[in-house]
Structure formats: structure tokens, C-alpha cells
Amino acid sequence: MIVPIKTYYKVAVSLLVLFILTVAIAYVDLGSWNIIVALIIATIKALFVVLYFMHVRYSSRVTWLFALAGFFWLIILFTFTMSDYLTRS
């Protein structure tokens, strides 16, 4: 499937807007929520990259399965990291 170049421009602009939002959030003091908000934004950016620039959006079910397995593993790693981080004094 041939993806229109307009789609790539929209995704690139979205990534730039999310980058600017990430930088803006770094200057706002949200307390312990800073890292959570930053991780949510980073996950959205990673999702855009995987879906459009790695062409998973237009791929077979097997590719979707492996991409979802990667995100599931990422969630496991973030869960263990955050549980360690939040239990430290």
C-alpha cells in the first residue's frame, strides 16, 4: 500500500507538537506527576513512530502481534521501574 505523503507530514507535525509539549512540561512543576506525564507523551510519540514510520499500521496481523508484544513488554518494564522508584524514600 502506498501511503500519501500528506500522512507523513501530519505525523511529523504531530511529533513536533508533542516534542514542544514535552519541553513545556519540563518547565512546569507538577510534583511527582512530571515523570508520569513525560512517559505518557513519550509513549504516544513512540506509537506514532511505530504505526506510521515503521509501517505497522498497514502490515499483517503477525506484525501487529509482535508490535503489541513489544508495547506489553515496555509496560512491564515501566511498571517495575515505577514501583521501585515510588517506594524509595
Protein backbone atom coordinates (compact mmCIF):
# COMPACT_ATOMS: atom_id res chain seq x y z
CA MET A 1 0.00 0.00 0.00
CA ILE A 2 1.28 3.43 -0.91
CA VAL A 3 0.88 5.94 1.90
CA PRO A 4 0.20 9.53 0.82
CA ILE A 5 2.99 11.94 1.71
CA LYS A 6 0.40 14.16 3.40
CA THR A 7 0.07 11.47 6.09
CA TYR A 8 3.79 11.62 6.80
CA TYR A 9 3.64 15.40 7.10
CA LYS A 10 0.73 15.18 9.56
CA VAL A 11 2.59 12.62 11.68
CA ALA A 12 5.78 14.69 11.60
CA VAL A 13 3.92 17.82 12.70
CA SER A 14 2.22 15.82 15.47
CA LEU A 15 5.62 14.58 16.66
CA LEU A 16 6.96 18.14 16.69
CA VAL A 17 3.96 19.37 18.67
CA LEU A 18 4.42 16.53 21.17
CA PHE A 19 8.12 17.39 21.42
CA ILE A 20 7.28 21.02 22.21
CA LEU A 21 4.74 19.80 24.76
CA THR A 22 7.41 17.60 26.36
CA VAL A 23 9.78 20.56 26.67
CA ALA A 24 6.99 22.77 28.05
CA ILE A 25 6.02 20.16 30.64
CA ALA A 26 9.65 20.03 31.81
CA TYR A 27 9.37 23.66 32.92
CA VAL A 28 6.07 23.16 34.77
CA ASP A 29 6.27 21.82 38.31
CA LEU A 30 3.73 19.02 38.58
CA GLY A 31 5.40 17.35 41.53
CA SER A 32 5.53 13.60 41.19
CA TRP A 33 3.35 13.76 38.07
CA ASN A 34 6.14 15.18 35.89
CA ILE A 35 7.62 11.79 35.11
CA ILE A 36 4.22 10.20 34.50
CA VAL A 37 3.15 12.91 32.07
CA ALA A 38 6.51 12.74 30.29
CA LEU A 39 6.23 8.96 29.94
CA ILE A 40 2.69 9.23 28.56
CA ILE A 41 3.82 11.75 25.94
CA ALA A 42 6.84 9.59 25.07
CA THR A 43 4.59 6.56 24.64
CA ILE A 44 2.31 8.47 22.28
CA LYS A 45 5.32 9.59 20.23
CA ALA A 46 6.64 6.03 20.10
CA LEU A 47 3.21 4.83 18.98
CA PHE A 48 3.20 7.33 16.09
CA VAL A 49 6.68 6.25 15.02
CA VAL A 50 5.84 2.55 15.15
CA LEU A 51 2.49 2.89 13.38
CA TYR A 52 3.47 5.20 10.56
CA PHE A 53 7.22 5.31 10.05
CA MET A 54 7.68 1.58 10.67
CA HIS A 55 4.53 0.84 8.61
CA VAL A 56 2.88 -1.33 11.25
CA ARG A 57 -0.46 0.37 10.60
CA TYR A 58 -0.63 -1.21 7.15
CA SER A 59 1.00 -4.55 8.00
CA SER A 60 -0.25 -8.06 8.64
CA ARG A 61 -1.72 -9.37 11.88
CA VAL A 62 1.56 -11.08 12.79
CA THR A 63 3.40 -7.76 12.67
CA TRP A 64 0.69 -6.21 14.84
CA LEU A 65 1.07 -9.08 17.30
CA PHE A 66 4.81 -8.54 17.67
CA ALA A 67 4.41 -4.76 17.94
CA LEU A 68 1.81 -5.20 20.68
CA ALA A 69 4.07 -7.70 22.44
CA GLY A 70 6.81 -5.06 22.42
CA PHE A 71 4.49 -2.48 23.97
CA PHE A 72 3.30 -5.03 26.53
CA TRP A 73 6.92 -5.67 27.49
CA LEU A 74 7.51 -1.92 27.74
CA ILE A 75 4.55 -1.62 30.12
CA ILE A 76 6.01 -4.39 32.27
CA LEU A 77 9.38 -2.63 32.40
CA PHE A 78 7.79 0.73 33.26
CA THR A 79 5.68 -0.92 35.97
CA PHE A 80 8.69 -2.49 37.66
CA THR A 81 10.74 0.70 37.30
CA MET A 82 8.00 2.92 38.69
CA SER A 83 7.29 0.52 41.57
CA ASP A 84 10.96 0.69 42.51
CA TYR A 85 11.11 4.46 42.06
CA LEU A 86 7.97 5.20 44.06
CA THR A 87 8.94 3.01 47.02
CA ARG A 88 12.24 4.80 47.64
CA SER A 89 12.35 7.42 50.36
